Amino acid sequence: MPRTRALVRALVLASHPGPTAAVSMFAFAYALGAGAGVPLAALVLVAVMAGQLSVGWSNDWIDAGRDLAVGRADKPVVTGAVSPPALRAAALLAAGACIALSLALGPAAAVVHLVAVASAWAYNARLKSTVWSWAPYALSFGLLPSVATLALPDPVPAPAWTTAAAALLGVGAHLANVLPDLADDAATGVVGLPHRLGRRATSLLSVALLLVATTIVAVASSVPVVLAVVAVLAAVVLALSGALAALTRPASRWPFLAAILVAALTVVLLVVG
């Protein structure tokens, strides 16, 4: 039993629980805001969570060799708490659950969600090491709102401005997430767009994208002006604090957490509007 608990804990940690929970809850909240009832929104939640679990586990499985090479002590596969084959099995099982749950949302929503998840797997498998590292984030996050709206009884794609804002949030989060790992990534041959831009340019671009996304939603959605202004100002503070942390404390995870909080603010505007 202790060994089982230890394995479960390792799998939870290897799933990238913060981003997995955040993306899943954002999808749930947006589904509710788009008019889905609680049962349908809950189905969106579990389908998205299954996809995110598969992405998180596949990331640590595929990167196991690189993480071992640089001694990433925060990774369960490096500490020996879980093996690469176990991560591979978990990722494939989660992917199978994602397919089944996505199909339950309807054919259009299923296709869009599975394309989004496949895009994230493509990032893990190859694209993270190329100048196109940003593209899977733009595609996957941009498609996410439409997973909810296409699952409605009268399926429609999400509005273009919502799709654009979600895509910008995804790319901004990607840039912020990579910042603490620039050196380790470069040492193991991972040279994506942030590595090519450098720390300063990546930090500033992340801030710009996050703030543009929040501003788009604040302007395009039907939220009270006071709420829109407060949300944009809060996003400015969070994004700038993340950039400052990235430039002064390279190992800090605050830039990515700040990006998630900016995304949360933006989702609140979407739901309220």
C-alpha atoms as a PDB file:
ATOM      1  CA  MET A   1       0.000   0.000   0.000  1.00  0.00           C
ATOM      2  CA  PRO A   2       2.742   2.595   0.769  1.00  0.00           C
ATOM      3  CA  ARG A   3       4.330   1.789  -2.601  1.00  0.00           C
ATOM      4  CA  THR A   4       0.966   2.289  -4.323  1.00  0.00           C
ATOM      5  CA  ARG A   5       0.476   5.626  -2.606  1.00  0.00           C
ATOM      6  CA  ALA A   6       3.982   6.684  -3.589  1.00  0.00           C
ATOM      7  CA  LEU A   7       3.324   5.738  -7.220  1.00  0.00           C
ATOM      8  CA  VAL A   8       0.019   7.616  -7.268  1.00  0.00           C
ATOM      9  CA  ARG A   9       1.728  10.675  -5.799  1.00  0.00           C
ATOM     10  CA  ALA A  10       4.494  10.432  -8.395  1.00  0.00           C
ATOM     11  CA  LEU A  11       1.966  10.169 -11.216  1.00  0.00           C
ATOM     12  CA  VAL A  12       0.100  13.208  -9.920  1.00  0.00           C
ATOM     13  CA  LEU A  13       3.322  15.224  -9.807  1.00  0.00           C
ATOM     14  CA  ALA A  14       4.336  14.003 -13.276  1.00  0.00           C
ATOM     15  CA  SER A  15       0.990  15.066 -14.728  1.00  0.00           C
ATOM     16  CA  HIS A  16       1.941  18.746 -14.344  1.00  0.00           C
ATOM     17  CA  PRO A  17      -0.972  19.178 -11.919  1.00  0.00           C
ATOM     18  CA  GLY A  18      -1.046  22.987 -11.892  1.00  0.00           C
ATOM     19  CA  PRO A  19      -1.505  23.528 -15.630  1.00  0.00           C
ATOM     20  CA  THR A  20      -3.702  20.417 -15.910  1.00  0.00           C
ATOM     21  CA  ALA A  21      -6.095  21.655 -13.228  1.00  0.00           C
ATOM     22  CA  ALA A  22      -6.040  25.242 -14.526  1.00  0.00           C
ATOM     23  CA  VAL A  23      -6.814  24.360 -18.158  1.00  0.00           C
ATOM     24  CA  SER A  24      -9.529  21.896 -17.109  1.00  0.00           C
ATOM     25  CA  MET A  25     -11.227  24.390 -14.788  1.00  0.00           C
ATOM     26  CA  PHE A  26     -10.999  27.126 -17.417  1.00  0.00           C
ATOM     27  CA  ALA A  27     -12.763  24.838 -19.886  1.00  0.00           C
ATOM     28  CA  PHE A  28     -15.442  24.032 -17.288  1.00  0.00           C
ATOM     29  CA  ALA A  29     -16.024  27.702 -16.458  1.00  0.00           C
ATOM     30  CA  TYR A  30     -16.186  28.713 -20.102  1.00  0.00           C
ATOM     31  CA  ALA A  31     -18.647  25.913 -20.859  1.00  0.00           C
ATOM     32  CA  LEU A  32     -20.917  27.194 -18.097  1.00  0.00           C
ATOM     33  CA  GLY A  33     -20.561  30.748 -19.368  1.00  0.00           C
ATOM     34  CA  ALA A  34     -21.390  29.604 -22.902  1.00  0.00           C
ATOM     35  CA  GLY A  35     -24.703  28.183 -21.713  1.00  0.00           C
ATOM     36  CA  ALA A  36     -23.944  24.534 -20.990  1.00  0.00           C
ATOM     37  CA  GLY A  37     -25.729  22.927 -18.079  1.00  0.00           C
ATOM     38  CA  VAL A  38     -23.697  21.535 -15.206  1.00  0.00           C
ATOM     39  CA  PRO A  39     -23.735  17.911 -16.506  1.00  0.00           C
ATOM     40  CA  LEU A  40     -22.462  18.953 -19.947  1.00  0.00           C
ATOM     41  CA  ALA A  41     -19.896  21.343 -18.456  1.00  0.00           C
ATOM     42  CA  ALA A  42     -18.726  18.519 -16.186  1.00  0.00           C
ATOM     43  CA  LEU A  43     -18.297  16.259 -19.237  1.00  0.00           C
ATOM     44  CA  VAL A  44     -16.218  18.993 -20.895  1.00  0.00           C
ATOM     45  CA  LEU A  45     -14.178  19.174 -17.693  1.00  0.00           C
ATOM     46  CA  VAL A  46     -13.352  15.463 -17.533  1.00  0.00           C
ATOM     47  CA  ALA A  47     -12.662  15.215 -21.275  1.00  0.00           C
ATOM     48  CA  VAL A  48     -10.254  18.136 -21.142  1.00  0.00           C
ATOM     49  CA  MET A  49      -8.665  16.804 -17.948  1.00  0.00           C
ATOM     50  CA  ALA A  50      -8.066  13.403 -19.571  1.00  0.00           C
ATOM     51  CA  GLY A  51      -6.399  15.128 -22.496  1.00  0.00           C
ATOM     52  CA  GLN A  52      -4.262  17.273 -20.204  1.00  0.00           C
ATOM     53  CA  LEU A  53      -3.204  14.236 -18.159  1.00  0.00           C
ATOM     54  CA  SER A  54      -2.111  12.481 -21.340  1.00  0.00           C
ATOM     55  CA  VAL A  55      -0.116  15.545 -22.367  1.00  0.00           C
ATOM     56  CA  GLY A  56       1.544  15.926 -18.966  1.00  0.00           C
ATOM     57  CA  TRP A  57       2.511  12.271 -18.653  1.00  0.00           C
ATOM     58  CA  SER A  58       3.721  12.071 -22.245  1.00  0.00           C
ATOM     59  CA  ASN A  59       5.903  15.113 -21.615  1.00  0.00           C
ATOM     60  CA  ASP A  60       7.695  13.520 -18.667  1.00  0.00           C
ATOM     61  CA  TRP A  61       7.921  10.165 -20.488  1.00  0.00           C
ATOM     62  CA  ILE A  62       9.419  11.651 -23.662  1.00  0.00           C
ATOM     63  CA  ASP A  63      11.709  13.996 -21.728  1.00  0.00           C
ATOM     64  CA  ALA A  64      12.893  11.397 -19.214  1.00  0.00           C
ATOM     65  CA  GLY A  65      16.356  11.103 -20.774  1.00  0.00           C
ATOM     66  CA  ARG A  66      16.832  14.872 -20.945  1.00  0.00           C
ATOM     67  CA  ASP A  67      15.600  15.392 -17.387  1.00  0.00           C
ATOM     68  CA  LEU A  68      17.967  12.693 -16.098  1.00  0.00           C
ATOM     69  CA  ALA A  69      20.860  14.295 -17.974  1.00  0.00           C
ATOM     70  CA  VAL A  70      20.422  17.642 -16.232  1.00  0.00           C
ATOM     71  CA  GLY A  71      19.326  16.231 -12.867  1.00  0.00           C
ATOM     72  CA  ARG A  72      15.832  17.722 -12.715  1.00  0.00           C
ATOM     73  CA  ALA A  73      15.119  16.815  -9.080  1.00  0.00           C
ATOM     74  CA  ASP A  74      11.560  18.177  -9.392  1.00  0.00           C
ATOM     75  CA  LYS A  75      10.703  15.388 -11.831  1.00  0.00           C
ATOM     76  CA  PRO A  76       9.479  12.081 -10.299  1.00  0.00           C
ATOM     77  CA  VAL A  77      11.064  10.122 -13.152  1.00  0.00           C
ATOM     78  CA  VAL A  78      14.470  11.539 -12.162  1.00  0.00           C
ATOM     79  CA  THR A  79      14.078  10.628  -8.477  1.00  0.00           C
ATOM     80  CA  GLY A  80      13.019   7.100  -9.421  1.00  0.00           C
ATOM     81  CA  ALA A  81       9.518   7.479  -8.040  1.00  0.00           C
ATOM     82  CA  VAL A  82       8.054   6.448 -11.398  1.00  0.00           C
ATOM     83  CA  SER A  83       9.580   4.789 -14.460  1.00  0.00           C
ATOM     84  CA  PRO A  84       9.368   5.930 -18.103  1.00  0.00           C
ATOM     85  CA  PRO A  85       7.353   2.796 -19.060  1.00  0.00           C
ATOM     86  CA  ALA A  86       4.830   3.603 -16.310  1.00  0.00           C
ATOM     87  CA  LEU A  87       4.517   7.157 -17.602  1.00  0.00           C
ATOM     88  CA  ARG A  88       4.066   5.852 -21.153  1.00  0.00           C
ATOM     89  CA  ALA A  89       1.300   3.497 -20.018  1.00  0.00           C
ATOM     90  CA  ALA A  90      -0.430   6.271 -18.043  1.00  0.00           C
ATOM     91  CA  ALA A  91      -0.202   8.673 -20.991  1.00  0.00           C
ATOM     92  CA  LEU A  92      -1.698   6.152 -23.412  1.00  0.00           C
ATOM     93  CA  LEU A  93      -4.487   5.192 -21.007  1.00  0.00           C
ATOM     94  CA  ALA A  94      -5.351   8.864 -20.488  1.00  0.00           C
ATOM     95  CA  ALA A  95      -5.296   9.403 -24.254  1.00  0.00           C
ATOM     96  CA  GLY A  96      -7.743   6.520 -24.689  1.00  0.00           C
ATOM     97  CA  ALA A  97     -10.043   7.994 -22.039  1.00  0.00           C
ATOM     98  CA  CYS A  98      -9.746  11.382 -23.745  1.00  0.00           C
ATOM     99  CA  ILE A  99     -10.907   9.910 -27.054  1.00  0.00           C
ATOM    100  CA  ALA A 100     -13.920   8.217 -25.470  1.00  0.00           C
ATOM    101  CA  LEU A 101     -14.939  11.247 -23.412  1.00  0.00           C
ATOM    102  CA  SER A 102     -14.451  13.613 -26.352  1.00  0.00           C
ATOM    103  CA  LEU A 103     -16.710  11.472 -28.555  1.00  0.00           C
ATOM    104  CA  ALA A 104     -19.379  11.774 -25.874  1.00  0.00           C
ATOM    105  CA  LEU A 105     -19.349  15.549 -26.464  1.00  0.00           C
ATOM    106  CA  GLY A 106     -20.434  15.074 -30.072  1.00  0.00           C
ATOM    107  CA  PRO A 107     -18.515  14.677 -33.333  1.00  0.00           C
ATOM    108  CA  ALA A 108     -17.604  18.333 -33.906  1.00  0.00           C
ATOM    109  CA  ALA A 109     -16.411  18.938 -30.349  1.00  0.00           C
ATOM    110  CA  ALA A 110     -14.550  15.615 -30.413  1.00  0.00           C
ATOM    111  CA  VAL A 111     -12.639  16.444 -33.587  1.00  0.00           C
ATOM    112  CA  VAL A 112     -11.656  19.886 -32.298  1.00  0.00           C
ATOM    113  CA  HIS A 113     -10.562  18.581 -28.905  1.00  0.00           C
ATOM    114  CA  LEU A 114      -8.586  15.667 -30.304  1.00  0.00           C
ATOM    115  CA  VAL A 115      -6.792  17.978 -32.743  1.00  0.00           C
ATOM    116  CA  ALA A 116      -5.906  20.223 -29.779  1.00  0.00           C
ATOM    117  CA  VAL A 117      -4.552  17.281 -27.774  1.00  0.00           C
ATOM    118  CA  ALA A 118      -2.657  15.881 -30.776  1.00  0.00           C
ATOM    119  CA  SER A 119      -1.096  19.306 -31.244  1.00  0.00           C
ATOM    120  CA  ALA A 120       0.134  19.259 -27.629  1.00  0.00           C
ATOM    121  CA  TRP A 121       1.590  15.768 -28.119  1.00  0.00           C
ATOM    122  CA  ALA A 122       3.368  17.058 -31.238  1.00  0.00           C
ATOM    123  CA  TYR A 123       4.960  19.750 -29.093  1.00  0.00           C
ATOM    124  CA  ASN A 124       6.218  17.135 -26.628  1.00  0.00           C
ATOM    125  CA  ALA A 125       7.489  14.828 -29.344  1.00  0.00           C
ATOM    126  CA  ARG A 126       9.276  17.242 -31.644  1.00  0.00           C
ATOM    127  CA  LEU A 127       8.105  20.829 -32.018  1.00  0.00           C
ATOM    128  CA  LYS A 128       9.396  22.038 -28.641  1.00  0.00           C
ATOM    129  CA  SER A 129      12.903  21.830 -30.127  1.00  0.00           C
ATOM    130  CA  THR A 130      12.106  23.995 -33.150  1.00  0.00           C
ATOM    131  CA  VAL A 131      11.326  27.606 -33.935  1.00  0.00           C
ATOM    132  CA  TRP A 132       7.676  26.454 -34.171  1.00  0.00           C
ATOM    133  CA  SER A 133       7.471  25.655 -30.449  1.00  0.00           C
ATOM    134  CA  TRP A 134       4.806  28.339 -30.035  1.00  0.00           C
ATOM    135  CA  ALA A 135       2.468  26.937 -32.713  1.00  0.00           C
ATOM    136  CA  PRO A 136       0.982  23.999 -30.741  1.00  0.00           C
ATOM    137  CA  TYR A 137       0.145  26.363 -27.884  1.00  0.00           C
ATOM    138  CA  ALA A 138      -1.576  28.774 -30.236  1.00  0.00           C
ATOM    139  CA  LEU A 139      -3.539  25.974 -31.903  1.00  0.00           C
ATOM    140  CA  SER A 140      -4.446  23.979 -28.797  1.00  0.00           C
ATOM    141  CA  PHE A 141      -5.454  26.949 -26.657  1.00  0.00           C
ATOM    142  CA  GLY A 142      -7.185  28.643 -29.556  1.00  0.00           C
ATOM    143  CA  LEU A 143      -9.352  25.570 -30.132  1.00  0.00           C
ATOM    144  CA  LEU A 144     -10.222  25.036 -26.463  1.00  0.00           C
ATOM    145  CA  PRO A 145     -13.212  27.452 -26.266  1.00  0.00           C
ATOM    146  CA  SER A 146     -14.770  25.779 -29.292  1.00  0.00           C
ATOM    147  CA  VAL A 147     -14.685  22.411 -27.520  1.00  0.00           C
ATOM    148  CA  ALA A 148     -17.311  23.859 -25.164  1.00  0.00           C
ATOM    149  CA  THR A 149     -19.410  25.725 -27.720  1.00  0.00           C
ATOM    150  CA  LEU A 150     -19.445  22.821 -30.192  1.00  0.00           C
ATOM    151  CA  ALA A 151     -20.689  20.522 -27.429  1.00  0.00           C
ATOM    152  CA  LEU A 152     -23.832  22.636 -26.925  1.00  0.00           C
ATOM    153  CA  PRO A 153     -27.208  21.416 -28.227  1.00  0.00           C
ATOM    154  CA  ASP A 154     -26.861  24.005 -31.006  1.00  0.00           C
ATOM    155  CA  PRO A 155     -23.143  23.632 -31.772  1.00  0.00           C
ATOM    156  CA  VAL A 156     -21.253  26.679 -33.015  1.00  0.00           C
ATOM    157  CA  PRO A 157     -17.542  27.571 -33.017  1.00  0.00           C
ATOM    158  CA  ALA A 158     -16.411  30.033 -30.383  1.00  0.00           C
ATOM    159  CA  PRO A 159     -16.300  33.678 -31.532  1.00  0.00           C
ATOM    160  CA  ALA A 160     -13.195  34.648 -33.464  1.00  0.00           C
ATOM    161  CA  TRP A 161     -12.112  37.151 -30.809  1.00  0.00           C
ATOM    162  CA  THR A 162     -12.382  34.485 -28.093  1.00  0.00           C
ATOM    163  CA  THR A 163     -10.323  32.086 -30.206  1.00  0.00           C
ATOM    164  CA  ALA A 164      -7.686  34.753 -30.832  1.00  0.00           C
ATOM    165  CA  ALA A 165      -7.476  35.713 -27.161  1.00  0.00           C
ATOM    166  CA  ALA A 166      -7.154  32.062 -26.092  1.00  0.00           C
ATOM    167  CA  ALA A 167      -4.401  31.475 -28.648  1.00  0.00           C
ATOM    168  CA  LEU A 168      -2.481  34.535 -27.411  1.00  0.00           C
ATOM    169  CA  LEU A 169      -2.846  33.353 -23.808  1.00  0.00           C
ATOM    170  CA  GLY A 170      -1.454  29.968 -24.821  1.00  0.00           C
ATOM    171  CA  VAL A 171       1.612  31.399 -26.507  1.00  0.00           C
ATOM    172  CA  GLY A 172       2.179  33.844 -23.657  1.00  0.00           C
ATOM    173  CA  ALA A 173       1.996  31.013 -21.139  1.00  0.00           C
ATOM    174  CA  HIS A 174       4.404  28.931 -23.238  1.00  0.00           C
ATOM    175  CA  LEU A 175       6.976  31.706 -23.220  1.00  0.00           C
ATOM    176  CA  ALA A 176       6.619  32.259 -19.467  1.00  0.00           C
ATOM    177  CA  ASN A 177       6.750  28.523 -18.708  1.00  0.00           C
ATOM    178  CA  VAL A 178      10.026  27.958 -20.566  1.00  0.00           C
ATOM    179  CA  LEU A 179      11.928  30.819 -18.911  1.00  0.00           C
ATOM    180  CA  PRO A 180      13.198  28.928 -15.819  1.00  0.00           C
ATOM    181  CA  ASP A 181      14.403  26.010 -17.964  1.00  0.00           C
ATOM    182  CA  LEU A 182      16.234  27.866 -20.739  1.00  0.00           C
ATOM    183  CA  ALA A 183      19.695  26.676 -19.691  1.00  0.00           C
ATOM    184  CA  ASP A 184      18.682  23.062 -18.989  1.00  0.00           C
ATOM    185  CA  ASP A 185      16.774  22.861 -22.269  1.00  0.00           C
ATOM    186  CA  ALA A 186      19.654  24.240 -24.303  1.00  0.00           C
ATOM    187  CA  ALA A 187      22.052  21.771 -22.655  1.00  0.00           C
ATOM    188  CA  THR A 188      19.946  18.862 -23.912  1.00  0.00           C
ATOM    189  CA  GLY A 189      19.312  20.133 -27.440  1.00  0.00           C
ATOM    190  CA  VAL A 190      15.907  21.765 -26.918  1.00  0.00           C
ATOM    191  CA  VAL A 191      16.084  25.083 -28.745  1.00  0.00           C
ATOM    192  CA  GLY A 192      12.578  26.421 -29.270  1.00  0.00           C
ATOM    193  CA  LEU A 193      11.465  29.959 -30.035  1.00  0.00           C
ATOM    194  CA  PRO A 194      12.127  31.289 -26.494  1.00  0.00           C
ATOM    195  CA  HIS A 195      15.696  29.985 -26.580  1.00  0.00           C
ATOM    196  CA  ARG A 196      16.295  31.742 -29.881  1.00  0.00           C
ATOM    197  CA  LEU A 197      14.792  35.019 -28.666  1.00  0.00           C
ATOM    198  CA  GLY A 198      16.689  35.091 -25.370  1.00  0.00           C
ATOM    199  CA  ARG A 199      15.458  35.728 -21.833  1.00  0.00           C
ATOM    200  CA  ARG A 200      14.776  39.461 -22.117  1.00  0.00           C
ATOM    201  CA  ALA A 201      12.879  39.331 -25.420  1.00  0.00           C
ATOM    202  CA  THR A 202      10.926  36.251 -24.310  1.00  0.00           C
ATOM    203  CA  SER A 203       9.902  37.944 -21.054  1.00  0.00           C
ATOM    204  CA  LEU A 204       8.717  41.095 -22.816  1.00  0.00           C
ATOM    205  CA  LEU A 205       6.898  39.189 -25.553  1.00  0.00           C
ATOM    206  CA  SER A 206       5.121  37.046 -22.964  1.00  0.00           C
ATOM    207  CA  VAL A 207       3.890  40.165 -21.175  1.00  0.00           C
ATOM    208  CA  ALA A 208       2.731  41.736 -24.430  1.00  0.00           C
ATOM    209  CA  LEU A 209       0.778  38.665 -25.568  1.00  0.00           C
ATOM    210  CA  LEU A 210      -0.911  38.148 -22.208  1.00  0.00           C
ATOM    211  CA  LEU A 211      -1.977  41.785 -21.988  1.00  0.00           C
ATOM    212  CA  VAL A 212      -3.238  41.882 -25.579  1.00  0.00           C
ATOM    213  CA  ALA A 213      -5.331  38.776 -24.878  1.00  0.00           C
ATOM    214  CA  THR A 214      -6.889  40.270 -21.747  1.00  0.00           C
ATOM    215  CA  THR A 215      -7.524  43.588 -23.514  1.00  0.00           C
ATOM    216  CA  ILE A 216      -9.254  41.840 -26.429  1.00  0.00           C
ATOM    217  CA  VAL A 217     -11.657  40.115 -24.059  1.00  0.00           C
ATOM    218  CA  ALA A 218     -12.192  43.252 -21.972  1.00  0.00           C
ATOM    219  CA  VAL A 219     -13.125  45.247 -25.081  1.00  0.00           C
ATOM    220  CA  ALA A 220     -15.101  42.608 -26.984  1.00  0.00           C
ATOM    221  CA  SER A 221     -17.117  41.056 -24.146  1.00  0.00           C
ATOM    222  CA  SER A 222     -20.144  42.641 -22.526  1.00  0.00           C
ATOM    223  CA  VAL A 223     -18.643  43.248 -19.098  1.00  0.00           C
ATOM    224  CA  PRO A 224     -19.104  46.422 -17.046  1.00  0.00           C
ATOM    225  CA  VAL A 225     -16.436  49.000 -17.843  1.00  0.00           C
ATOM    226  CA  VAL A 226     -15.231  49.126 -14.239  1.00  0.00           C
ATOM    227  CA  LEU A 227     -14.693  45.359 -14.161  1.00  0.00           C
ATOM    228  CA  ALA A 228     -12.875  45.444 -17.501  1.00  0.00           C
ATOM    229  CA  VAL A 229     -10.541  48.219 -16.340  1.00  0.00           C
ATOM    230  CA  VAL A 230      -9.794  46.492 -13.031  1.00  0.00           C
ATOM    231  CA  ALA A 231      -9.089  43.195 -14.801  1.00  0.00           C
ATOM    232  CA  VAL A 232      -6.729  44.805 -17.318  1.00  0.00           C
ATOM    233  CA  LEU A 233      -4.860  46.698 -14.588  1.00  0.00           C
ATOM    234  CA  ALA A 234      -4.537  43.517 -12.521  1.00  0.00           C
ATOM    235  CA  ALA A 235      -3.248  41.689 -15.604  1.00  0.00           C
ATOM    236  CA  VAL A 236      -0.672  44.441 -16.157  1.00  0.00           C
ATOM    237  CA  VAL A 237       0.612  44.093 -12.586  1.00  0.00           C
ATOM    238  CA  LEU A 238       0.764  40.294 -12.783  1.00  0.00           C
ATOM    239  CA  ALA A 239       2.405  40.137 -16.205  1.00  0.00           C
ATOM    240  CA  LEU A 240       5.008  42.799 -15.374  1.00  0.00           C
ATOM    241  CA  SER A 241       5.820  41.126 -12.060  1.00  0.00           C
ATOM    242  CA  GLY A 242       6.327  37.867 -13.941  1.00  0.00           C
ATOM    243  CA  ALA A 243       8.692  39.537 -16.395  1.00  0.00           C
ATOM    244  CA  LEU A 244      10.631  41.174 -13.567  1.00  0.00           C
ATOM    245  CA  ALA A 245      10.995  37.822 -11.796  1.00  0.00           C
ATOM    246  CA  ALA A 246      12.198  36.186 -15.013  1.00  0.00           C
ATOM    247  CA  LEU A 247      14.879  38.810 -15.485  1.00  0.00           C
ATOM    248  CA  THR A 248      16.086  38.979 -11.872  1.00  0.00           C
ATOM    249  CA  ARG A 249      15.453  35.430 -10.635  1.00  0.00           C
ATOM    250  CA  PRO A 250      15.943  33.093 -13.606  1.00  0.00           C
ATOM    251  CA  ALA A 251      14.904  29.939 -11.726  1.00  0.00           C
ATOM    252  CA  SER A 252      11.634  31.428 -10.450  1.00  0.00           C
ATOM    253  CA  ARG A 253       8.348  29.758 -11.431  1.00  0.00           C
ATOM    254  CA  TRP A 254       6.441  32.981 -10.762  1.00  0.00           C
ATOM    255  CA  PRO A 255       6.355  34.042 -14.455  1.00  0.00           C
ATOM    256  CA  PHE A 256       4.314  30.948 -15.339  1.00  0.00           C
ATOM    257  CA  LEU A 257       2.080  31.255 -12.277  1.00  0.00           C
ATOM    258  CA  ALA A 258       1.510  34.911 -13.143  1.00  0.00           C
ATOM    259  CA  ALA A 259       0.572  33.849 -16.681  1.00  0.00           C
ATOM    260  CA  ILE A 260      -1.966  31.359 -15.293  1.00  0.00           C
ATOM    261  CA  LEU A 261      -3.459  34.080 -13.083  1.00  0.00           C
ATOM    262  CA  VAL A 262      -3.740  36.425 -16.072  1.00  0.00           C
ATOM    263  CA  ALA A 263      -5.490  33.629 -17.957  1.00  0.00           C
ATOM    264  CA  ALA A 264      -7.838  33.151 -14.990  1.00  0.00           C
ATOM    265  CA  LEU A 265      -8.708  36.853 -15.046  1.00  0.00           C
ATOM    266  CA  THR A 266      -9.407  36.618 -18.747  1.00  0.00           C
ATOM    267  CA  VAL A 267     -11.654  33.580 -18.294  1.00  0.00           C
ATOM    268  CA  VAL A 268     -13.593  35.454 -15.597  1.00  0.00           C
ATOM    269  CA  LEU A 269     -14.210  38.261 -18.109  1.00  0.00           C
ATOM    270  CA  LEU A 270     -15.328  35.700 -20.699  1.00  0.00           C
ATOM    271  CA  VAL A 271     -17.750  34.025 -18.310  1.00  0.00           C
ATOM    272  CA  VAL A 272     -19.179  37.265 -16.941  1.00  0.00           C
ATOM    273  CA  GLY A 273     -19.467  38.727 -20.440  1.00  0.00           C
END
